[in-house]
Amino acid sequence: MSTTEKNLSDENEIDALEPEYHFDYTKARANRFAARMARESVIVVLDPDVAEVFKNPETVNNVLRALIATMPMIKE
């Protein structure tokens, strides 16, 4: 029986943490999604209500570009 099965079978132990964990990093793999991101990309997390409206990055970028076009330019 694995540790997970043992902990889940005992209701008193479900939320218990082990004092120490050992991970086998020899089985680790490179992030397969990293190549999709351009080096100059910025990741932004949308709130759920906003994400319901904007289904893809293109629509978000189009709306933000339209908003930027209406903004007065700030000179530094």
N, C-alpha and C. Protein backbone atom coordinates (compact mmCIF):
# COMPACT_ATOMS: atom_id res chain seq x y z
N MET A 1 0.86 -1.18 0.00
CA MET A 1 0.00 0.00 0.00
C MET A 1 0.90 1.24 0.00
N SER A 2 0.56 2.21 -0.86
CA SER A 2 1.38 3.41 -0.94
C SER A 2 1.04 4.34 0.23
N THR A 3 1.89 5.33 0.42
CA THR A 3 1.67 6.30 1.50
C THR A 3 0.35 7.04 1.28
N THR A 4 0.06 7.39 0.01
CA THR A 4 -1.17 8.11 -0.29
C THR A 4 -2.39 7.28 0.08
N GLU A 5 -2.39 6.01 -0.31
CA GLU A 5 -3.53 5.14 0.01
C GLU A 5 -3.67 4.98 1.52
N LYS A 6 -2.55 4.83 2.21
CA LYS A 6 -2.59 4.67 3.67
C LYS A 6 -3.18 5.91 4.32
N ASN A 7 -2.73 7.10 3.89
CA ASN A 7 -3.23 8.35 4.49
C ASN A 7 -4.70 8.56 4.19
N LEU A 8 -5.14 8.24 2.98
CA LEU A 8 -6.54 8.45 2.63
C LEU A 8 -7.46 7.46 3.32
N SER A 9 -6.92 6.30 3.67
CA SER A 9 -7.77 5.31 4.32
C SER A 9 -8.01 5.64 5.78
N ASP A 10 -7.16 6.43 6.37
CA ASP A 10 -7.31 6.80 7.78
C ASP A 10 -7.79 8.25 7.84
N GLU A 11 -9.04 8.47 8.18
CA GLU A 11 -9.63 9.81 8.17
C GLU A 11 -8.87 10.81 9.03
N ASN A 12 -8.23 10.35 10.10
CA ASN A 12 -7.49 11.26 10.98
C ASN A 12 -6.18 11.71 10.36
N GLU A 13 -5.71 11.02 9.35
CA GLU A 13 -4.40 11.32 8.76
C GLU A 13 -4.51 12.05 7.43
N ILE A 14 -5.69 12.38 6.97
CA ILE A 14 -5.85 12.97 5.64
C ILE A 14 -5.07 14.28 5.51
N ASP A 15 -5.12 15.13 6.51
CA ASP A 15 -4.46 16.43 6.42
C ASP A 15 -3.04 16.43 6.99
N ALA A 16 -2.55 15.29 7.40
CA ALA A 16 -1.22 15.23 8.01
C ALA A 16 -0.14 15.35 6.94
N LEU A 17 0.92 16.07 7.27
CA LEU A 17 2.07 16.19 6.39
C LEU A 17 3.19 15.32 6.91
N GLU A 18 3.94 14.77 5.97
CA GLU A 18 5.11 14.00 6.36
C GLU A 18 6.17 14.96 6.86
N PRO A 19 7.04 14.54 7.78
CA PRO A 19 8.08 15.44 8.27
C PRO A 19 9.12 15.77 7.19
N GLU A 20 9.25 14.90 6.20
CA GLU A 20 10.23 15.13 5.15
C GLU A 20 9.79 14.37 3.90
N TYR A 21 10.03 14.98 2.74
CA TYR A 21 9.69 14.33 1.48
C TYR A 21 10.95 14.20 0.64
N HIS A 22 11.07 13.10 -0.07
CA HIS A 22 12.20 12.87 -0.97
C HIS A 22 11.65 12.71 -2.38
N PHE A 23 12.09 13.59 -3.28
CA PHE A 23 11.62 13.56 -4.65
C PHE A 23 12.71 12.98 -5.55
N ASP A 24 12.31 12.19 -6.51
CA ASP A 24 13.24 11.57 -7.46
C ASP A 24 13.33 12.47 -8.69
N TYR A 25 14.32 13.37 -8.71
CA TYR A 25 14.46 14.31 -9.80
C TYR A 25 15.10 13.69 -11.03
N THR A 26 15.53 12.44 -10.95
CA THR A 26 16.08 11.78 -12.13
C THR A 26 15.00 11.54 -13.17
N LYS A 27 13.74 11.58 -12.77
CA LYS A 27 12.63 11.37 -13.69
C LYS A 27 12.03 12.70 -14.16
N ALA A 28 12.61 13.80 -13.77
CA ALA A 28 12.10 15.12 -14.14
C ALA A 28 12.31 15.38 -15.63
N ARG A 29 11.39 16.13 -16.22
CA ARG A 29 11.49 16.48 -17.63
C ARG A 29 11.46 17.99 -17.78
N ALA A 30 11.98 18.45 -18.89
CA ALA A 30 11.94 19.89 -19.18
C ALA A 30 10.49 20.32 -19.38
N ASN A 31 10.20 21.57 -19.13
CA ASN A 31 8.85 22.11 -19.30
C ASN A 31 8.48 22.07 -20.78
N ARG A 32 7.54 21.23 -21.14
CA ARG A 32 7.19 21.06 -22.55
C ARG A 32 6.42 22.26 -23.10
N PHE A 33 5.95 23.14 -22.24
CA PHE A 33 5.21 24.31 -22.69
C PHE A 33 6.11 25.54 -22.84
N ALA A 34 7.33 25.47 -22.38
CA ALA A 34 8.21 26.64 -22.39
C ALA A 34 8.48 27.14 -23.80
N ALA A 35 8.59 26.26 -24.78
CA ALA A 35 8.89 26.68 -26.15
C ALA A 35 7.76 27.50 -26.75
N ARG A 36 6.56 27.36 -26.25
CA ARG A 36 5.41 28.12 -26.78
C ARG A 36 5.49 29.60 -26.42
N MET A 37 6.18 29.92 -25.37
CA MET A 37 6.24 31.29 -24.91
C MET A 37 7.41 32.01 -25.56
N ALA A 38 7.13 33.16 -26.17
CA ALA A 38 8.19 33.97 -26.73
C ALA A 38 9.01 34.55 -25.58
N ARG A 39 10.25 34.81 -25.85
CA ARG A 39 11.13 35.33 -24.79
C ARG A 39 10.65 36.67 -24.24
N GLU A 40 9.97 37.45 -25.05
CA GLU A 40 9.51 38.77 -24.62
C GLU A 40 8.07 38.75 -24.11
N SER A 41 7.48 37.60 -23.94
CA SER A 41 6.10 37.51 -23.48
C SER A 41 6.01 37.84 -22.00
N VAL A 42 4.85 38.36 -21.64
CA VAL A 42 4.54 38.63 -20.24
C VAL A 42 3.29 37.83 -19.91
N ILE A 43 3.32 37.08 -18.84
CA ILE A 43 2.18 36.27 -18.45
C ILE A 43 1.30 37.10 -17.51
N VAL A 44 0.02 37.16 -17.81
CA VAL A 44 -0.94 37.89 -16.99
C VAL A 44 -2.07 36.92 -16.65
N VAL A 45 -2.43 36.85 -15.40
CA VAL A 45 -3.53 35.98 -14.97
C VAL A 45 -4.80 36.81 -14.91
N LEU A 46 -5.80 36.36 -15.66
CA LEU A 46 -7.08 37.07 -15.69
C LEU A 46 -8.00 36.54 -14.61
N ASP A 47 -8.79 37.41 -14.02
CA ASP A 47 -9.82 36.98 -13.08
C ASP A 47 -10.84 36.15 -13.86
N PRO A 48 -11.50 35.22 -13.18
CA PRO A 48 -12.44 34.34 -13.87
C PRO A 48 -13.52 35.07 -14.68
N ASP A 49 -14.07 36.16 -14.14
CA ASP A 49 -15.12 36.88 -14.87
C ASP A 49 -14.58 37.52 -16.15
N VAL A 50 -13.34 37.97 -16.12
CA VAL A 50 -12.72 38.56 -17.31
C VAL A 50 -12.37 37.45 -18.31
N ALA A 51 -11.89 36.33 -17.83
CA ALA A 51 -11.53 35.21 -18.70
C ALA A 51 -12.74 34.65 -19.43
N GLU A 52 -13.93 34.81 -18.88
CA GLU A 52 -15.15 34.36 -19.56
C GLU A 52 -15.39 35.16 -20.84
N VAL A 53 -14.97 36.42 -20.85
CA VAL A 53 -15.18 37.29 -22.00
C VAL A 53 -14.06 37.11 -23.03
N PHE A 54 -12.83 37.04 -22.56
CA PHE A 54 -11.67 36.96 -23.44
C PHE A 54 -11.18 35.52 -23.50
N LYS A 55 -11.49 34.85 -24.60
CA LYS A 55 -11.20 33.42 -24.72
C LYS A 55 -9.80 33.12 -25.25
N ASN A 56 -9.12 34.13 -25.82
CA ASN A 56 -7.78 33.88 -26.37
C ASN A 56 -6.93 35.14 -26.28
N PRO A 57 -5.63 35.00 -26.43
CA PRO A 57 -4.73 36.16 -26.30
C PRO A 57 -4.99 37.25 -27.35
N GLU A 58 -5.43 36.87 -28.53
CA GLU A 58 -5.65 37.87 -29.58
C GLU A 58 -6.73 38.86 -29.19
N THR A 59 -7.82 38.38 -28.60
CA THR A 59 -8.90 39.30 -28.22
C THR A 59 -8.45 40.23 -27.09
N VAL A 60 -7.69 39.70 -26.16
CA VAL A 60 -7.18 40.54 -25.07
C VAL A 60 -6.27 41.62 -25.64
N ASN A 61 -5.36 41.23 -26.52
CA ASN A 61 -4.43 42.21 -27.10
C ASN A 61 -5.16 43.25 -27.94
N ASN A 62 -6.18 42.84 -28.70
CA ASN A 62 -6.94 43.80 -29.51
C ASN A 62 -7.63 44.85 -28.64
N VAL A 63 -8.26 44.42 -27.57
CA VAL A 63 -8.94 45.35 -26.67
C VAL A 63 -7.94 46.27 -25.98
N LEU A 64 -6.84 45.73 -25.53
CA LEU A 64 -5.84 46.57 -24.86
C LEU A 64 -5.23 47.58 -25.83
N ARG A 65 -4.99 47.18 -27.07
CA ARG A 65 -4.46 48.12 -28.06
C ARG A 65 -5.47 49.24 -28.34
N ALA A 66 -6.75 48.90 -28.40
CA ALA A 66 -7.79 49.92 -28.61
C ALA A 66 -7.83 50.88 -27.42
N LEU A 67 -7.70 50.35 -26.22
CA LEU A 67 -7.68 51.20 -25.03
C LEU A 67 -6.46 52.10 -25.03
N ILE A 68 -5.31 51.56 -25.39
CA ILE A 68 -4.08 52.36 -25.44
C ILE A 68 -4.22 53.49 -26.44
N ALA A 69 -4.88 53.23 -27.56
CA ALA A 69 -5.07 54.27 -28.60
C ALA A 69 -5.90 55.44 -28.07
N THR A 70 -6.75 55.21 -27.09
CA THR A 70 -7.59 56.30 -26.56
C THR A 70 -6.91 57.06 -25.43
N MET A 71 -5.80 56.56 -24.96
CA MET A 71 -5.13 57.17 -23.81
C MET A 71 -4.19 58.29 -24.27
N PRO A 72 -4.13 59.38 -23.50
CA PRO A 72 -3.16 60.42 -23.84
C PRO A 72 -1.74 59.90 -23.57
N MET A 73 -0.85 60.26 -24.44
CA MET A 73 0.55 59.83 -24.28
C MET A 73 1.20 60.62 -23.16
N ILE A 74 1.93 59.95 -22.31
CA ILE A 74 2.64 60.58 -21.20
C ILE A 74 4.08 60.79 -21.62
N LYS A 75 4.52 62.04 -21.55
CA LYS A 75 5.91 62.37 -21.92
C LYS A 75 6.76 62.37 -20.67
N GLU A 76 7.87 61.69 -20.76
CA GLU A 76 8.79 61.64 -19.59
C GLU A 76 9.99 62.50 -19.83
